[in-house]
Amino acid sequence: MRFDNGFPADTIPDAAWVKSRASVRDGNCVELTPLPQGGVAVRNSRHPGGPALVYTRQEMSAFMEGVKASEFDHLIGS
């Protein structure tokens, strides 16, 4: 099965969605799950059946390095 950006997130068979332990109780969080072909799907936890975005592991790794280096802190305020 091939997954493209914008597919319904609840259609991934056996998805094991994970979110941060820092997630707030009202569901404002991003969730991720590995895909069978090696990518990673990302969805909004408030809309579990909504569209999912698909990234390669290399793209996710580059993003995580940017997060760790505080490159996106200005986007969420102080």
PDB file of N, CA and C in Angstrom:
ATOM      1  N   MET A   1       0.848  -1.189   0.000  1.00  0.00           N
ATOM      2  CA  MET A   1       0.000   0.000   0.000  1.00  0.00           C
ATOM      3  C   MET A   1       0.882   1.237   0.000  1.00  0.00           C
ATOM      4  N   ARG A   2       0.564   2.176  -0.861  1.00  0.00           N
ATOM      5  CA  ARG A   2       1.322   3.425  -0.958  1.00  0.00           C
ATOM      6  C   ARG A   2       0.564   4.538  -0.242  1.00  0.00           C
ATOM      7  N   PHE A   3       1.300   5.359   0.503  1.00  0.00           N
ATOM      8  CA  PHE A   3       0.701   6.483   1.219  1.00  0.00           C
ATOM      9  C   PHE A   3       1.279   7.782   0.680  1.00  0.00           C
ATOM     10  N   ASP A   4       0.408   8.692   0.257  1.00  0.00           N
ATOM     11  CA  ASP A   4       0.814   9.998  -0.242  1.00  0.00           C
ATOM     12  C   ASP A   4       0.329  11.077   0.716  1.00  0.00           C
ATOM     13  N   ASN A   5       0.941  12.245   0.648  1.00  0.00           N
ATOM     14  CA  ASN A   5       0.530  13.355   1.510  1.00  0.00           C
ATOM     15  C   ASN A   5      -0.954  13.636   1.369  1.00  0.00           C
ATOM     16  N   GLY A   6      -1.597  13.840   2.513  1.00  0.00           N
ATOM     17  CA  GLY A   6      -3.005  14.187   2.533  1.00  0.00           C
ATOM     18  C   GLY A   6      -3.949  13.004   2.621  1.00  0.00           C
ATOM     19  N   PHE A   7      -3.426  11.777   2.726  1.00  0.00           N
ATOM     20  CA  PHE A   7      -4.315  10.622   2.821  1.00  0.00           C
ATOM     21  C   PHE A   7      -4.983  10.599   4.199  1.00  0.00           C
ATOM     22  N   PRO A   8      -6.151   9.962   4.344  1.00  0.00           N
ATOM     23  CA  PRO A   8      -6.819   9.883   5.647  1.00  0.00           C
ATOM     24  C   PRO A   8      -5.963   9.106   6.647  1.00  0.00           C
ATOM     25  N   ALA A   9      -5.637   9.732   7.743  1.00  0.00           N
ATOM     26  CA  ALA A   9      -4.724   9.144   8.716  1.00  0.00           C
ATOM     27  C   ALA A   9      -5.246   7.853   9.329  1.00  0.00           C
ATOM     28  N   ASP A  10      -6.560   7.702   9.383  1.00  0.00           N
ATOM     29  CA  ASP A  10      -7.110   6.502  10.018  1.00  0.00           C
ATOM     30  C   ASP A  10      -7.165   5.303   9.073  1.00  0.00           C
ATOM     31  N   THR A  11      -6.556   5.397   7.896  1.00  0.00           N
ATOM     32  CA  THR A  11      -6.555   4.288   6.951  1.00  0.00           C
ATOM     33  C   THR A  11      -5.262   3.471   6.976  1.00  0.00           C
ATOM     34  N   ILE A  12      -4.333   3.819   7.842  1.00  0.00           N
ATOM     35  CA  ILE A  12      -3.075   3.071   7.929  1.00  0.00           C
ATOM     36  C   ILE A  12      -3.328   1.802   8.746  1.00  0.00           C
ATOM     37  N   PRO A  13      -3.162   0.641   8.147  1.00  0.00           N
ATOM     38  CA  PRO A  13      -3.398  -0.585   8.906  1.00  0.00           C
ATOM     39  C   PRO A  13      -2.365  -0.762  10.022  1.00  0.00           C
ATOM     40  N   ASP A  14      -2.846  -1.129  11.197  1.00  0.00           N
ATOM     41  CA  ASP A  14      -1.980  -1.405  12.361  1.00  0.00           C
ATOM     42  C   ASP A  14      -1.099  -0.223  12.757  1.00  0.00           C
ATOM     43  N   ALA A  15      -1.574   0.997  12.537  1.00  0.00           N
ATOM     44  CA  ALA A  15      -0.794   2.183  12.900  1.00  0.00           C
ATOM     45  C   ALA A  15      -0.615   2.243  14.412  1.00  0.00           C
ATOM     46  N   ALA A  16       0.581   2.583  14.834  1.00  0.00           N
ATOM     47  CA  ALA A  16       0.890   2.764  16.257  1.00  0.00           C
ATOM     48  C   ALA A  16       1.277   4.229  16.455  1.00  0.00           C
ATOM     49  N   TRP A  17       0.263   5.091  16.535  1.00  0.00           N
ATOM     50  CA  TRP A  17       0.500   6.525  16.652  1.00  0.00           C
ATOM     51  C   TRP A  17       1.138   6.842  17.997  1.00  0.00           C
ATOM     52  N   VAL A  18       2.137   7.726  17.973  1.00  0.00           N
ATOM     53  CA  VAL A  18       2.874   8.126  19.166  1.00  0.00           C
ATOM     54  C   VAL A  18       2.842   9.641  19.267  1.00  0.00           C
ATOM     55  N   LYS A  19       2.672  10.145  20.502  1.00  0.00           N
ATOM     56  CA  LYS A  19       2.774  11.586  20.720  1.00  0.00           C
ATOM     57  C   LYS A  19       3.651  11.841  21.928  1.00  0.00           C
ATOM     58  N   SER A  20       4.083  13.051  22.050  1.00  0.00           N
ATOM     59  CA  SER A  20       4.980  13.437  23.127  1.00  0.00           C
ATOM     60  C   SER A  20       4.316  13.307  24.489  1.00  0.00           C
ATOM     61  N   ARG A  21       5.109  12.935  25.482  1.00  0.00           N
ATOM     62  CA  ARG A  21       4.604  12.918  26.859  1.00  0.00           C
ATOM     63  C   ARG A  21       4.283  14.328  27.339  1.00  0.00           C
ATOM     64  N   ALA A  22       4.811  15.337  26.634  1.00  0.00           N
ATOM     65  CA  ALA A  22       4.542  16.729  26.984  1.00  0.00           C
ATOM     66  C   ALA A  22       3.216  17.208  26.409  1.00  0.00           C
ATOM     67  N   SER A  23       2.524  16.350  25.709  1.00  0.00           N
ATOM     68  CA  SER A  23       1.242  16.713  25.108  1.00  0.00           C
ATOM     69  C   SER A  23       0.249  17.140  26.181  1.00  0.00           C
ATOM     70  N   VAL A  24      -0.562  18.131  25.841  1.00  0.00           N
ATOM     71  CA  VAL A  24      -1.576  18.598  26.782  1.00  0.00           C
ATOM     72  C   VAL A  24      -2.798  17.695  26.721  1.00  0.00           C
ATOM     73  N   ARG A  25      -3.554  17.672  27.790  1.00  0.00           N
ATOM     74  CA  ARG A  25      -4.690  16.762  27.902  1.00  0.00           C
ATOM     75  C   ARG A  25      -5.793  17.005  26.872  1.00  0.00           C
ATOM     76  N   ASP A  26      -5.957  18.227  26.401  1.00  0.00           N
ATOM     77  CA  ASP A  26      -7.053  18.506  25.464  1.00  0.00           C
ATOM     78  C   ASP A  26      -6.746  18.082  24.028  1.00  0.00           C
ATOM     79  N   GLY A  27      -5.632  17.371  23.825  1.00  0.00           N
ATOM     80  CA  GLY A  27      -5.353  16.784  22.527  1.00  0.00           C
ATOM     81  C   GLY A  27      -4.598  17.651  21.550  1.00  0.00           C
ATOM     82  N   ASN A  28      -4.030  18.750  21.989  1.00  0.00           N
ATOM     83  CA  ASN A  28      -3.287  19.618  21.084  1.00  0.00           C
ATOM     84  C   ASN A  28      -1.876  19.086  20.899  1.00  0.00           C
ATOM     85  N   CYS A  29      -1.741  18.127  20.019  1.00  0.00           N
ATOM     86  CA  CYS A  29      -0.435  17.540  19.811  1.00  0.00           C
ATOM     87  C   CYS A  29      -0.326  16.972  18.402  1.00  0.00           C
ATOM     88  N   VAL A  30       0.885  16.703  18.012  1.00  0.00           N
ATOM     89  CA  VAL A  30       1.184  16.052  16.748  1.00  0.00           C
ATOM     90  C   VAL A  30       1.504  14.598  17.063  1.00  0.00           C
ATOM     91  N   GLU A  31       1.014  13.687  16.238  1.00  0.00           N
ATOM     92  CA  GLU A  31       1.275  12.262  16.426  1.00  0.00           C
ATOM     93  C   GLU A  31       1.993  11.716  15.201  1.00  0.00           C
ATOM     94  N   LEU A  32       2.840  10.730  15.422  1.00  0.00           N
ATOM     95  CA  LEU A  32       3.609  10.123  14.350  1.00  0.00           C
ATOM     96  C   LEU A  32       3.463   8.611  14.390  1.00  0.00           C
ATOM     97  N   THR A  33       3.579   7.992  13.215  1.00  0.00           N
ATOM     98  CA  THR A  33       3.601   6.530  13.128  1.00  0.00           C
ATOM     99  C   THR A  33       4.519   6.121  11.980  1.00  0.00           C
ATOM    100  N   PRO A  34       5.231   5.018  12.153  1.00  0.00           N
ATOM    101  CA  PRO A  34       6.040   4.527  11.040  1.00  0.00           C
ATOM    102  C   PRO A  34       5.148   3.924   9.955  1.00  0.00           C
ATOM    103  N   LEU A  35       5.590   4.015   8.722  1.00  0.00           N
ATOM    104  CA  LEU A  35       4.856   3.443   7.600  1.00  0.00           C
ATOM    105  C   LEU A  35       5.564   2.181   7.113  1.00  0.00           C
ATOM    106  N   PRO A  36       4.809   1.256   6.558  1.00  0.00           N
ATOM    107  CA  PRO A  36       5.399  -0.011   6.117  1.00  0.00           C
ATOM    108  C   PRO A  36       6.568   0.145   5.145  1.00  0.00           C
ATOM    109  N   GLN A  37       6.538   1.147   4.276  1.00  0.00           N
ATOM    110  CA  GLN A  37       7.615   1.310   3.303  1.00  0.00           C
ATOM    111  C   GLN A  37       8.793   2.109   3.841  1.00  0.00           C
ATOM    112  N   GLY A  38       8.779   2.452   5.137  1.00  0.00           N
ATOM    113  CA  GLY A  38       9.925   3.107   5.760  1.00  0.00           C
ATOM    114  C   GLY A  38       9.775   4.573   6.067  1.00  0.00           C
ATOM    115  N   GLY A  39       8.703   5.218   5.639  1.00  0.00           N
ATOM    116  CA  GLY A  39       8.494   6.629   5.936  1.00  0.00           C
ATOM    117  C   GLY A  39       7.838   6.825   7.290  1.00  0.00           C
ATOM    118  N   VAL A  40       7.473   8.057   7.554  1.00  0.00           N
ATOM    119  CA  VAL A  40       6.805   8.427   8.795  1.00  0.00           C
ATOM    120  C   VAL A  40       5.590   9.276   8.446  1.00  0.00           C
ATOM    121  N   ALA A  41       4.437   8.948   9.029  1.00  0.00           N
ATOM    122  CA  ALA A  41       3.227   9.747   8.834  1.00  0.00           C
ATOM    123  C   ALA A  41       3.025  10.634  10.060  1.00  0.00           C
ATOM    124  N   VAL A  42       2.549  11.851   9.822  1.00  0.00           N
ATOM    125  CA  VAL A  42       2.310  12.823  10.888  1.00  0.00           C
ATOM    126  C   VAL A  42       0.861  13.295  10.783  1.00  0.00           C
ATOM    127  N   ARG A  43       0.173  13.361  11.940  1.00  0.00           N
ATOM    128  CA  ARG A  43      -1.212  13.848  11.955  1.00  0.00           C
ATOM    129  C   ARG A  43      -1.443  14.744  13.158  1.00  0.00           C
ATOM    130  N   ASN A  44      -2.525  15.500  13.097  1.00  0.00           N
ATOM    131  CA  ASN A  44      -2.974  16.348  14.198  1.00  0.00           C
ATOM    132  C   ASN A  44      -3.833  15.484  15.114  1.00  0.00           C
ATOM    133  N   SER A  45      -3.503  15.414  16.391  1.00  0.00           N
ATOM    134  CA  SER A  45      -4.235  14.534  17.305  1.00  0.00           C
ATOM    135  C   SER A  45      -5.688  14.954  17.493  1.00  0.00           C
ATOM    136  N   ARG A  46      -6.013  16.202  17.224  1.00  0.00           N
ATOM    137  CA  ARG A  46      -7.407  16.650  17.333  1.00  0.00           C
ATOM    138  C   ARG A  46      -8.261  16.162  16.181  1.00  0.00           C
ATOM    139  N   HIS A  47      -7.617  15.721  15.106  1.00  0.00           N
ATOM    140  CA  HIS A  47      -8.321  15.239  13.914  1.00  0.00           C
ATOM    141  C   HIS A  47      -7.714  13.901  13.488  1.00  0.00           C
ATOM    142  N   PRO A  48      -7.932  12.850  14.276  1.00  0.00           N
ATOM    143  CA  PRO A  48      -7.261  11.575  14.007  1.00  0.00           C
ATOM    144  C   PRO A  48      -7.568  10.956  12.657  1.00  0.00           C
ATOM    145  N   GLY A  49      -8.701  11.270  12.069  1.00  0.00           N
ATOM    146  CA  GLY A  49      -9.016  10.742  10.747  1.00  0.00           C
ATOM    147  C   GLY A  49      -8.660  11.690   9.630  1.00  0.00           C
ATOM    148  N   GLY A  50      -8.175  12.849  10.007  1.00  0.00           N
ATOM    149  CA  GLY A  50      -7.862  13.882   9.024  1.00  0.00           C
ATOM    150  C   GLY A  50      -6.637  13.555   8.194  1.00  0.00           C
ATOM    151  N   PRO A  51      -6.202  14.483   7.397  1.00  0.00           N
ATOM    152  CA  PRO A  51      -5.078  14.202   6.504  1.00  0.00           C
ATOM    153  C   PRO A  51      -3.774  13.992   7.269  1.00  0.00           C
ATOM    154  N   ALA A  52      -2.973  13.095   6.738  1.00  0.00           N
ATOM    155  CA  ALA A  52      -1.648  12.846   7.294  1.00  0.00           C
ATOM    156  C   ALA A  52      -0.604  13.294   6.275  1.00  0.00           C
ATOM    157  N   LEU A  53       0.498  13.768   6.784  1.00  0.00           N
ATOM    158  CA  LEU A  53       1.623  14.133   5.929  1.00  0.00           C
ATOM    159  C   LEU A  53       2.664  13.034   6.017  1.00  0.00           C
ATOM    160  N   VAL A  54       3.310  12.748   4.907  1.00  0.00           N
ATOM    161  CA  VAL A  54       4.281  11.668   4.833  1.00  0.00           C
ATOM    162  C   VAL A  54       5.671  12.244   4.616  1.00  0.00           C
ATOM    163  N   TYR A  55       6.621  11.764   5.417  1.00  0.00           N
ATOM    164  CA  TYR A  55       8.008  12.197   5.308  1.00  0.00           C
ATOM    165  C   TYR A  55       8.914  10.981   5.282  1.00  0.00           C
ATOM    166  N   THR A  56      10.058  11.133   4.644  1.00  0.00           N
ATOM    167  CA  THR A  56      11.060  10.072   4.694  1.00  0.00           C
ATOM    168  C   THR A  56      11.746  10.128   6.057  1.00  0.00           C
ATOM    169  N   ARG A  57      12.411   9.081   6.411  1.00  0.00           N
ATOM    170  CA  ARG A  57      13.155   9.082   7.680  1.00  0.00           C
ATOM    171  C   ARG A  57      14.261  10.142   7.656  1.00  0.00           C
ATOM    172  N   GLN A  58      14.855  10.369   6.492  1.00  0.00           N
ATOM    173  CA  GLN A  58      15.900  11.386   6.375  1.00  0.00           C
ATOM    174  C   GLN A  58      15.322  12.785   6.598  1.00  0.00           C
ATOM    175  N   GLU A  59      14.128  13.035   6.067  1.00  0.00           N
ATOM    176  CA  GLU A  59      13.479  14.335   6.290  1.00  0.00           C
ATOM    177  C   GLU A  59      13.155  14.528   7.762  1.00  0.00           C
ATOM    178  N   MET A  60      12.649  13.487   8.407  1.00  0.00           N
ATOM    179  CA  MET A  60      12.328  13.589   9.837  1.00  0.00           C
ATOM    180  C   MET A  60      13.594  13.799  10.663  1.00  0.00           C
ATOM    181  N   SER A  61      14.663  13.138  10.280  1.00  0.00           N
ATOM    182  CA  SER A  61      15.934  13.304  10.989  1.00  0.00           C
ATOM    183  C   SER A  61      16.434  14.741  10.883  1.00  0.00           C
ATOM    184  N   ALA A  62      16.363  15.322   9.687  1.00  0.00           N
ATOM    185  CA  ALA A  62      16.787  16.713   9.498  1.00  0.00           C
ATOM    186  C   ALA A  62      15.913  17.656  10.320  1.00  0.00           C
ATOM    187  N   PHE A  63      14.600  17.392  10.349  1.00  0.00           N
ATOM    188  CA  PHE A  63      13.700  18.222  11.139  1.00  0.00           C
ATOM    189  C   PHE A  63      14.047  18.119  12.627  1.00  0.00           C
ATOM    190  N   MET A  64      14.256  16.913  13.121  1.00  0.00           N
ATOM    191  CA  MET A  64      14.567  16.729  14.539  1.00  0.00           C
ATOM    192  C   MET A  64      15.880  17.411  14.923  1.00  0.00           C
ATOM    193  N   GLU A  65      16.853  17.379  14.037  1.00  0.00           N
ATOM    194  CA  GLU A  65      18.111  18.081  14.304  1.00  0.00           C
ATOM    195  C   GLU A  65      17.846  19.584  14.434  1.00  0.00           C
ATOM    196  N   GLY A  66      16.976  20.123  13.581  1.00  0.00           N
ATOM    197  CA  GLY A  66      16.616  21.535  13.673  1.00  0.00           C
ATOM    198  C   GLY A  66      15.887  21.856  14.961  1.00  0.00           C
ATOM    199  N   VAL A  67      15.007  20.970  15.397  1.00  0.00           N
ATOM    200  CA  VAL A  67      14.300  21.158  16.671  1.00  0.00           C
ATOM    201  C   VAL A  67      15.305  21.181  17.817  1.00  0.00           C
ATOM    202  N   LYS A  68      16.201  20.209  17.834  1.00  0.00           N
ATOM    203  CA  LYS A  68      17.204  20.130  18.900  1.00  0.00           C
ATOM    204  C   LYS A  68      18.097  21.366  18.929  1.00  0.00           C
ATOM    205  N   ALA A  69      18.326  21.971  17.773  1.00  0.00           N
ATOM    206  CA  ALA A  69      19.183  23.165  17.678  1.00  0.00           C
ATOM    207  C   ALA A  69      18.381  24.459  17.885  1.00  0.00           C
ATOM    208  N   SER A  70      17.106  24.340  18.267  1.00  0.00           N
ATOM    209  CA  SER A  70      16.241  25.496  18.560  1.00  0.00           C
ATOM    210  C   SER A  70      15.970  26.368  17.344  1.00  0.00           C
ATOM    211  N   GLU A  71      16.082  25.807  16.143  1.00  0.00           N
ATOM    212  CA  GLU A  71      15.891  26.591  14.931  1.00  0.00           C
ATOM    213  C   GLU A  71      14.449  27.021  14.698  1.00  0.00           C
ATOM    214  N   PHE A  72      13.485  26.390  15.380  1.00  0.00           N
ATOM    215  CA  PHE A  72      12.083  26.694  15.160  1.00  0.00           C
ATOM    216  C   PHE A  72      11.412  27.347  16.361  1.00  0.00           C
ATOM    217  N   ASP A  73      12.183  27.647  17.383  1.00  0.00           N
ATOM    218  CA  ASP A  73      11.623  28.216  18.611  1.00  0.00           C
ATOM    219  C   ASP A  73      10.842  29.496  18.352  1.00  0.00           C
ATOM    220  N   HIS A  74      11.262  30.299  17.403  1.00  0.00           N
ATOM    221  CA  HIS A  74      10.587  31.566  17.116  1.00  0.00           C
ATOM    222  C   HIS A  74       9.164  31.360  16.586  1.00  0.00           C
ATOM    223  N   LEU A  75       8.869  30.157  16.107  1.00  0.00           N
ATOM    224  CA  LEU A  75       7.534  29.879  15.559  1.00  0.00           C
ATOM    225  C   LEU A  75       6.480  29.628  16.641  1.00  0.00           C
ATOM    226  N   ILE A  76       6.922  29.275  17.836  1.00  0.00           N
ATOM    227  CA  ILE A  76       5.966  28.966  18.903  1.00  0.00           C
ATOM    228  C   ILE A  76       5.953  30.009  20.012  1.00  0.00           C
ATOM    229  N   GLY A  77       6.738  31.039  19.884  1.00  0.00           N
ATOM    230  CA  GLY A  77       6.762  32.095  20.890  1.00  0.00           C
ATOM    231  C   GLY A  77       7.521  31.675  22.129  1.00  0.00           C
ATOM    232  N   SER A  78       7.460  32.541  23.126  1.00  0.00           N
ATOM    233  CA  SER A  78       8.227  32.250  24.344  1.00  0.00           C
ATOM    234  C   SER A  78       7.338  31.816  25.484  1.00  0.00           C
TER     235      SER A  78
END
